[in-house]
Protein backbone atom coordinates (compact mmCIF):
# COMPACT_ATOMS: atom_id res chain seq x y z
CA MET A 1 6.88 26.92 25.97
CA ARG A 2 9.03 29.92 25.01
CA ALA A 3 9.90 32.12 27.99
CA ILE A 4 8.69 35.70 27.74
CA ARG A 5 12.23 37.03 28.22
CA GLU A 6 13.18 35.21 25.00
CA CYS A 7 10.45 36.87 22.95
CA ARG A 8 11.35 39.63 20.51
CA LEU A 9 8.40 39.83 18.10
CA TYR A 10 4.88 40.27 19.53
CA GLY A 11 2.09 39.60 17.05
CA ILE A 12 -1.56 40.53 17.46
CA ILE A 13 -4.49 38.73 15.85
CA ASP A 14 -6.98 41.61 15.90
CA LEU A 15 -10.42 40.40 14.89
CA GLY A 16 -11.29 43.92 13.81
CA TYR A 17 -9.14 43.23 10.75
CA ILE A 18 -10.24 39.64 10.14
CA PRO A 19 -13.89 39.67 9.07
CA ARG A 20 -14.13 35.89 8.67
CA LEU A 21 -13.35 34.15 11.95
CA ARG A 22 -12.58 30.92 10.13
CA ASP A 23 -9.46 32.67 8.78
CA CYS A 24 -7.97 33.11 12.26
CA ASN A 25 -6.35 29.67 12.37
CA ARG A 26 -4.67 30.28 9.03
CA VAL A 27 -3.40 33.66 10.25
CA ALA A 28 -2.04 32.05 13.43
CA GLU A 29 -0.25 29.38 11.39
CA GLN A 30 1.30 32.05 9.18
CA MET A 31 2.44 34.09 12.17
CA VAL A 32 4.10 31.10 13.79
CA THR A 33 5.75 30.10 10.51
CA GLY A 34 6.89 33.69 9.99
CA GLY A 35 8.73 33.78 13.29
CA VAL A 36 6.39 35.59 15.66
CA ASP A 37 7.50 34.78 19.21
CA LEU A 38 4.28 35.52 21.10
CA ILE A 39 0.70 36.07 19.89
CA GLN A 40 -2.15 38.06 21.37
CA LEU A 41 -5.79 37.38 20.46
CA ARG A 42 -7.77 40.62 20.49
CA GLY A 43 -11.50 40.81 19.77
CA LYS A 44 -13.11 43.91 21.25
CA GLU A 45 -16.48 43.31 19.60
CA LYS A 46 -16.72 39.56 20.13
CA SER A 47 -18.53 37.68 22.87
CA ILE A 48 -16.70 35.71 25.54
CA ASP A 49 -18.04 32.46 24.08
CA GLU A 50 -16.72 33.33 20.61
CA LEU A 51 -13.33 34.24 22.05
CA ILE A 52 -13.14 31.06 24.12
CA LYS A 53 -13.76 28.97 21.00
CA LEU A 54 -11.17 30.89 18.98
CA ALA A 55 -8.59 30.87 21.78
CA SER A 56 -8.96 27.11 22.13
CA GLU A 57 -8.43 26.53 18.41
CA ILE A 58 -5.51 28.94 18.13
CA HIS A 59 -3.85 27.56 21.25
CA GLU A 60 -3.65 24.14 19.62
CA ILE A 61 -1.58 25.79 16.88
CA THR A 62 0.63 27.93 19.09
CA ALA A 63 1.30 25.17 21.61
CA ARG A 64 2.85 22.96 18.93
CA SER A 65 5.56 25.56 18.30
CA GLY A 66 5.99 26.64 21.93
CA THR A 67 4.56 30.08 21.13
CA PRO A 68 2.77 31.70 24.11
CA LEU A 69 -0.80 32.80 23.45
CA ILE A 70 -2.09 35.90 25.25
CA VAL A 71 -5.76 36.91 25.32
CA ASN A 72 -6.82 40.51 25.49
CA ASP A 73 -8.93 41.86 28.36
CA HIS A 74 -10.76 38.72 29.54
CA ALA A 75 -9.20 36.67 32.34
CA GLU A 76 -12.30 34.47 32.23
CA ILE A 77 -10.96 32.98 29.02
CA ALA A 78 -7.76 31.95 30.78
CA ALA A 79 -9.85 30.07 33.33
CA ARG A 80 -11.36 27.95 30.53
CA VAL A 81 -8.52 27.69 27.99
CA PRO A 82 -4.86 26.95 28.90
CA VAL A 83 -3.53 30.14 27.30
CA GLU A 84 -0.25 31.45 28.65
CA GLY A 85 -1.38 34.95 29.57
CA VAL A 86 -3.76 37.90 29.58
CA HIS A 87 -3.20 41.49 28.45
CA VAL A 88 -5.20 44.30 30.08
CA GLY A 89 -5.63 48.03 29.55
CA GLN A 90 -5.77 50.92 31.96
CA ASP A 91 -9.55 50.58 32.40
CA ASP A 92 -9.59 46.79 32.78
CA ASP A 93 -9.08 44.54 35.81
CA SER A 94 -6.00 44.96 37.94
CA ILE A 95 -3.18 42.47 37.52
CA LEU A 96 -4.05 40.88 40.87
CA VAL A 97 -7.71 40.44 39.88
CA VAL A 98 -6.68 38.97 36.53
CA ARG A 99 -4.70 36.23 38.25
CA GLN A 100 -7.52 35.61 40.71
CA LYS A 101 -10.07 35.24 37.90
CA ALA A 102 -7.78 32.95 35.92
CA GLY A 103 -7.28 30.81 39.01
CA ARG A 104 -3.62 30.22 38.25
CA ASP A 105 -0.28 31.92 37.78
CA LEU A 106 0.17 33.23 34.25
CA ILE A 107 1.75 36.03 32.23
CA VAL A 108 -0.04 39.36 32.63
CA GLY A 109 0.82 42.37 30.48
CA LYS A 110 -0.55 45.89 30.75
CA SER A 111 -0.97 48.77 28.30
CA THR A 112 0.57 52.07 29.38
CA HIS A 113 0.49 55.55 27.88
CA SER A 114 2.89 57.47 30.12
CA LEU A 115 5.96 56.90 32.26
CA ALA A 116 3.84 57.15 35.42
CA GLN A 117 1.54 54.37 34.18
CA ALA A 118 4.57 52.25 33.28
CA HIS A 119 5.99 52.59 36.79
CA LYS A 120 2.60 51.78 38.29
CA ALA A 121 2.26 48.64 36.14
CA GLU A 122 5.69 47.52 37.29
CA GLY A 123 4.64 48.00 40.91
CA GLU A 124 1.48 45.93 40.31
CA GLY A 125 3.60 43.02 39.10
CA ALA A 126 3.24 43.25 35.31
CA ASP A 127 5.33 40.70 33.44
CA TYR A 128 5.65 43.16 30.55
CA ILE A 129 4.16 46.46 29.46
CA GLY A 130 2.80 47.71 26.18
CA PHE A 131 3.16 51.33 25.10
CA GLY A 132 1.37 53.28 22.40
CA PRO A 133 -0.29 53.22 20.00
CA ILE A 134 1.71 55.99 18.44
CA PHE A 135 -1.06 56.63 15.90
CA ALA A 136 -4.77 55.96 16.21
CA THR A 137 -6.04 52.92 14.31
CA PRO A 138 -9.55 51.79 13.33
CA THR A 139 -9.65 49.56 16.44
CA ASP A 140 -7.80 51.87 18.87
CA GLN A 141 -8.34 55.61 18.85
CA THR A 142 -5.94 56.44 21.70
CA GLY A 143 -2.85 57.14 19.59
CA LEU A 144 -0.74 60.25 19.66
CA GLN A 145 -2.15 62.99 17.47
CA THR A 146 0.31 64.21 14.84
CA ASN A 147 0.53 68.00 14.51
CA ARG A 148 3.39 68.13 12.04
CA ILE A 149 6.28 65.94 11.01
CA GLY A 150 8.40 64.95 13.97
CA GLN A 151 6.10 66.40 16.63
CA HIS A 152 3.20 64.71 18.34
CA GLN A 153 0.67 65.90 20.89
CA PRO A 154 -0.45 63.11 23.24
CA ARG A 155 -4.17 62.59 23.64
CA SER A 156 -3.61 61.09 27.06
CA SER A 157 -2.18 62.98 30.02
CA GLY A 158 1.40 61.77 29.60
CA ARG A 159 3.87 61.33 26.76
CA GLU A 160 5.26 57.88 25.98
CA HIS A 161 8.75 57.47 27.36
CA PRO A 162 11.11 55.30 25.30
CA ASP A 163 13.45 54.03 28.01
CA LEU A 164 11.07 51.98 30.11
CA LEU A 165 11.79 50.23 33.36
CA HIS A 166 15.07 48.53 32.63
CA ARG A 167 15.89 48.57 36.29
CA ARG A 168 15.37 46.29 39.25
CA ASN A 169 15.04 42.55 39.79
CA ARG A 170 16.48 41.53 36.45
CA HIS A 171 15.57 37.99 35.47
CA ARG A 172 13.94 37.12 38.76
CA GLN A 173 12.30 33.78 38.12
CA SER A 174 8.78 32.85 38.97
CA SER A 175 8.09 29.44 40.47
CA THR A 176 7.54 28.07 36.98
CA GLY A 177 10.92 29.41 35.88
CA ASP A 178 9.66 30.64 32.53
CA ARG A 179 9.44 34.40 32.93
CA CYS A 180 10.67 37.44 34.80
CA ARG A 181 8.41 39.22 37.22
CA GLY A 182 9.44 42.61 38.56
CA GLU A 183 11.10 43.77 35.37
CA ALA A 184 8.31 45.07 33.22
CA ARG A 185 8.82 44.63 29.52
CA CYS A 186 7.56 46.53 26.56
CA HIS A 187 6.05 45.68 23.20
CA GLY A 188 3.90 47.42 20.69
CA PHE A 189 4.04 49.96 17.93
CA GLY A 190 7.58 51.12 18.62
CA LEU A 191 10.45 49.39 20.41
CA ALA A 192 12.33 51.17 23.15
CA GLN A 193 15.92 51.77 22.16
CA GLY A 194 18.17 49.97 24.59
CA ALA A 195 15.30 48.31 26.44
CA GLN A 196 14.51 44.63 26.54
CA HIS A 197 11.22 43.97 24.86
CA CYS A 198 8.69 41.42 23.79
């Protein structure tokens, strides 16, 4: 399985944009073929049972190419399907609780919207961080609000900071040897200049 520190392109299968669930496997195949290094399955409006079924099917595809599969929000899925990780938001379970619910060691990423949140996620043991979205989307209304070209007013309390957490414990290995814990990483709608990212 590809180590998270080797990932450079993070793809998201957002079911809000895929009305027919039977198309998800085809989308996953195309993402893997296209060179996506890591895939997240995101389905805010779907039931746990639906997501478990989809995650199981998609994992068969991603596992063949060594592409890690991350599920959004629900650690319970990771307890039933051998996905490689879980991604949580600011209002979801803590990173510790995610690992407890999954019942095993796995990648855990966290969404952040300010430098303070990024530092906090690092302290909690995030394997990587997400930042943004820069603009609101139909499935995520928390983006920065554009006032005029080149200037943005954050809807959250803090402004996104581009140079995130490229600091301590570089490349400290976990017991499985396939990722770095302690150096939070970033992915998302913009890539931090000079930062390592996934």
